[in-house]
Structure formats: C-alpha cells, structure tokens
Amino acid sequence: MPRSRAIFEKVCGVAERSLGCSFALDYHAASDEGVFEPEVLAARARREQASTASFLEATRKLHTLADFHAWLFQTHLCYAVARQGEFGVQAADDVDAKALASY
C-alpha cells in the first residue's frame, strides 16, 4: 500500500497543479495474513520499500502532468517503448528470490 499511495499522491498532486482541480482519495489495504510465509512477506516488504524510495526520488522534480507523462513514457522501464528490449533482463542477484516468490 505505501508504494501505491505514493504513486497516487504524486499523480494527483501534479494533476491538481496542472488542471486546477482536487482529489479526495481513501486508501484501503488488503491483509497479507496467511498469503505467504513470513520471510517471503518480509522480503516483499523490503523490495516494496526500496521501490517506493526509488519512485519518490525519480519523480521528485516532476511538477506537471506533462513532466510526469514524459518521465513515465520515456524513462520508466515498464512503459517506455524505446526501452522494451531491457524489460525482463536483469541479473539474478538483483532481486531477492523470496521477494520474487510473492509475485
């Protein structure tokens, strides 16, 4: 939930500044209880925390929807068409195997 919240708050914040509107969002997290073994959940939590920090740093200087759009579709690995050849290619030790088990 923290990463989803950070993303929505960033997008809504730039939309509010760009469009002059406001959003009221509520966040409701689902329970992870019993879904995975505790060590898998802990590894996933660490990965999510790192991903949240990475997102916040990458988008820190984006203040308009145009800025966010350009970053998302030119830079972000999952959405940048020019980077499609990189998707799914990473060193095996880049991702904790226990975290991968949660996907």
C-alpha atoms as a PDB file:
ATOM      1  CA  MET A   1       0.000   0.000   0.000  1.00  0.00           C
ATOM      2  CA  PRO A   2       2.735   2.584   0.713  1.00  0.00           C
ATOM      3  CA  ARG A   3       4.047   2.480  -2.877  1.00  0.00           C
ATOM      4  CA  SER A   4       0.538   2.657  -4.359  1.00  0.00           C
ATOM      5  CA  ARG A   5      -0.256   5.565  -2.084  1.00  0.00           C
ATOM      6  CA  ALA A   6       2.946   7.389  -3.052  1.00  0.00           C
ATOM      7  CA  ILE A   7       2.180   6.931  -6.756  1.00  0.00           C
ATOM      8  CA  PHE A   8      -1.418   8.127  -6.459  1.00  0.00           C
ATOM      9  CA  GLU A   9      -0.410  11.099  -4.317  1.00  0.00           C
ATOM     10  CA  LYS A  10       2.242  12.097  -6.865  1.00  0.00           C
ATOM     11  CA  VAL A  11      -0.079  11.757  -9.855  1.00  0.00           C
ATOM     12  CA  CYS A  12      -2.949  13.542  -8.119  1.00  0.00           C
ATOM     13  CA  GLY A  13      -0.614  16.276  -6.908  1.00  0.00           C
ATOM     14  CA  VAL A  14       0.703  17.032 -10.388  1.00  0.00           C
ATOM     15  CA  ALA A  15      -2.843  16.799 -11.789  1.00  0.00           C
ATOM     16  CA  GLU A  16      -4.123  19.248  -9.192  1.00  0.00           C
ATOM     17  CA  ARG A  17      -1.354  21.732 -10.047  1.00  0.00           C
ATOM     18  CA  SER A  18      -1.731  21.228 -13.800  1.00  0.00           C
ATOM     19  CA  LEU A  19      -5.522  21.188 -14.003  1.00  0.00           C
ATOM     20  CA  GLY A  20      -6.535  23.280 -11.012  1.00  0.00           C
ATOM     21  CA  CYS A  21      -8.692  20.521  -9.543  1.00  0.00           C
ATOM     22  CA  SER A  22      -8.560  18.463  -6.371  1.00  0.00           C
ATOM     23  CA  PHE A  23      -8.967  14.823  -5.476  1.00  0.00           C
ATOM     24  CA  ALA A  24     -10.112  13.128  -2.291  1.00  0.00           C
ATOM     25  CA  LEU A  25      -8.737   9.616  -2.088  1.00  0.00           C
ATOM     26  CA  ASP A  26      -9.205   6.905   0.505  1.00  0.00           C
ATOM     27  CA  TYR A  27      -6.738   4.053   0.806  1.00  0.00           C
ATOM     28  CA  HIS A  28      -7.755   0.592   1.970  1.00  0.00           C
ATOM     29  CA  ALA A  29      -5.082  -2.075   2.234  1.00  0.00           C
ATOM     30  CA  ALA A  30      -5.804  -5.767   1.910  1.00  0.00           C
ATOM     31  CA  SER A  31      -4.356  -8.102   4.507  1.00  0.00           C
ATOM     32  CA  ASP A  32      -1.304 -10.187   3.678  1.00  0.00           C
ATOM     33  CA  GLU A  33      -2.032 -12.543   6.556  1.00  0.00           C
ATOM     34  CA  GLY A  34      -1.677 -16.170   5.523  1.00  0.00           C
ATOM     35  CA  VAL A  35      -0.839 -15.347   1.903  1.00  0.00           C
ATOM     36  CA  PHE A  36       2.890 -16.153   2.052  1.00  0.00           C
ATOM     37  CA  GLU A  37       5.420 -17.359   4.560  1.00  0.00           C
ATOM     38  CA  PRO A  38       6.653 -14.596   6.900  1.00  0.00           C
ATOM     39  CA  GLU A  39      10.131 -14.486   5.338  1.00  0.00           C
ATOM     40  CA  VAL A  40       8.598 -14.056   1.855  1.00  0.00           C
ATOM     41  CA  LEU A  41       6.412 -11.211   3.124  1.00  0.00           C
ATOM     42  CA  ALA A  42       9.423  -9.591   4.790  1.00  0.00           C
ATOM     43  CA  ALA A  43      11.432  -9.801   1.553  1.00  0.00           C
ATOM     44  CA  ARG A  44       8.492  -8.350  -0.392  1.00  0.00           C
ATOM     45  CA  ALA A  45       8.144  -5.522   2.148  1.00  0.00           C
ATOM     46  CA  ARG A  46      11.853  -4.668   1.763  1.00  0.00           C
ATOM     47  CA  ARG A  47      11.538  -4.672  -2.033  1.00  0.00           C
ATOM     48  CA  GLU A  48       8.408  -2.501  -1.901  1.00  0.00           C
ATOM     49  CA  GLN A  49      10.127  -0.056   0.442  1.00  0.00           C
ATOM     50  CA  ALA A  50      13.092   0.220  -1.921  1.00  0.00           C
ATOM     51  CA  SER A  51      10.773   0.617  -4.919  1.00  0.00           C
ATOM     52  CA  THR A  52       8.832   3.362  -3.145  1.00  0.00           C
ATOM     53  CA  ALA A  53      12.037   5.249  -2.340  1.00  0.00           C
ATOM     54  CA  SER A  54      13.198   4.839  -5.942  1.00  0.00           C
ATOM     55  CA  PHE A  55       9.883   6.152  -7.305  1.00  0.00           C
ATOM     56  CA  LEU A  56       9.909   9.149  -4.980  1.00  0.00           C
ATOM     57  CA  GLU A  57      13.473  10.038  -5.952  1.00  0.00           C
ATOM     58  CA  ALA A  58      12.832   9.553  -9.688  1.00  0.00           C
ATOM     59  CA  THR A  59       9.741  11.770  -9.626  1.00  0.00           C
ATOM     60  CA  ARG A  60      10.931  14.380  -7.121  1.00  0.00           C
ATOM     61  CA  LYS A  61      11.371  17.092  -9.751  1.00  0.00           C
ATOM     62  CA  LEU A  62       8.181  16.360 -11.717  1.00  0.00           C
ATOM     63  CA  HIS A  63       5.663  19.133 -11.130  1.00  0.00           C
ATOM     64  CA  THR A  64       3.238  18.954 -14.058  1.00  0.00           C
ATOM     65  CA  LEU A  65       1.289  16.259 -15.876  1.00  0.00           C
ATOM     66  CA  ALA A  66       3.492  16.868 -18.911  1.00  0.00           C
ATOM     67  CA  ASP A  67       6.610  16.234 -16.773  1.00  0.00           C
ATOM     68  CA  PHE A  68       5.098  13.044 -15.341  1.00  0.00           C
ATOM     69  CA  HIS A  69       3.923  11.845 -18.768  1.00  0.00           C
ATOM     70  CA  ALA A  70       7.367  12.387 -20.279  1.00  0.00           C
ATOM     71  CA  TRP A  71       9.076  10.547 -17.408  1.00  0.00           C
ATOM     72  CA  LEU A  72       6.616   7.640 -17.490  1.00  0.00           C
ATOM     73  CA  PHE A  73       6.716   7.009 -21.227  1.00  0.00           C
ATOM     74  CA  GLN A  74      10.336   7.917 -21.932  1.00  0.00           C
ATOM     75  CA  THR A  75      12.146   6.712 -18.814  1.00  0.00           C
ATOM     76  CA  HIS A  76      10.164   4.175 -16.753  1.00  0.00           C
ATOM     77  CA  LEU A  77      11.240   0.687 -17.771  1.00  0.00           C
ATOM     78  CA  CYS A  78       7.715  -0.779 -17.856  1.00  0.00           C
ATOM     79  CA  TYR A  79       6.190   1.939 -20.046  1.00  0.00           C
ATOM     80  CA  ALA A  80       8.967   3.412 -22.183  1.00  0.00           C
ATOM     81  CA  VAL A  81       8.589   1.851 -25.634  1.00  0.00           C
ATOM     82  CA  ALA A  82      12.196   2.671 -26.504  1.00  0.00           C
ATOM     83  CA  ARG A  83      13.317   0.543 -23.537  1.00  0.00           C
ATOM     84  CA  GLN A  84      11.280  -2.595 -24.339  1.00  0.00           C
ATOM     85  CA  GLY A  85      14.451  -4.556 -25.064  1.00  0.00           C
ATOM     86  CA  GLU A  86      15.535  -4.071 -21.444  1.00  0.00           C
ATOM     87  CA  PHE A  87      12.309  -5.365 -19.892  1.00  0.00           C
ATOM     88  CA  GLY A  88      12.764  -8.658 -18.079  1.00  0.00           C
ATOM     89  CA  VAL A  89      16.548  -8.528 -18.361  1.00  0.00           C
ATOM     90  CA  GLN A  90      18.270  -8.226 -15.034  1.00  0.00           C
ATOM     91  CA  ALA A  91      20.929 -10.033 -13.075  1.00  0.00           C
ATOM     92  CA  ALA A  92      19.588 -12.858 -10.959  1.00  0.00           C
ATOM     93  CA  ASP A  93      21.056 -11.321  -7.821  1.00  0.00           C
ATOM     94  CA  ASP A  94      19.218  -8.018  -8.368  1.00  0.00           C
ATOM     95  CA  VAL A  95      16.038  -9.409  -6.816  1.00  0.00           C
ATOM     96  CA  ASP A  96      15.748 -11.447  -3.643  1.00  0.00           C
ATOM     97  CA  ALA A  97      14.383 -14.909  -4.530  1.00  0.00           C
ATOM     98  CA  LYS A  98      11.987 -14.736  -1.590  1.00  0.00           C
ATOM     99  CA  ALA A  99      10.606 -11.415  -2.865  1.00  0.00           C
ATOM    100  CA  LEU A 100      10.167 -12.948  -6.318  1.00  0.00           C
ATOM    101  CA  ALA A 101       8.118 -15.731  -4.738  1.00  0.00           C
ATOM    102  CA  SER A 102       5.492 -13.123  -3.830  1.00  0.00           C
ATOM    103  CA  TYR A 103       4.759 -12.158  -7.435  1.00  0.00           C
END
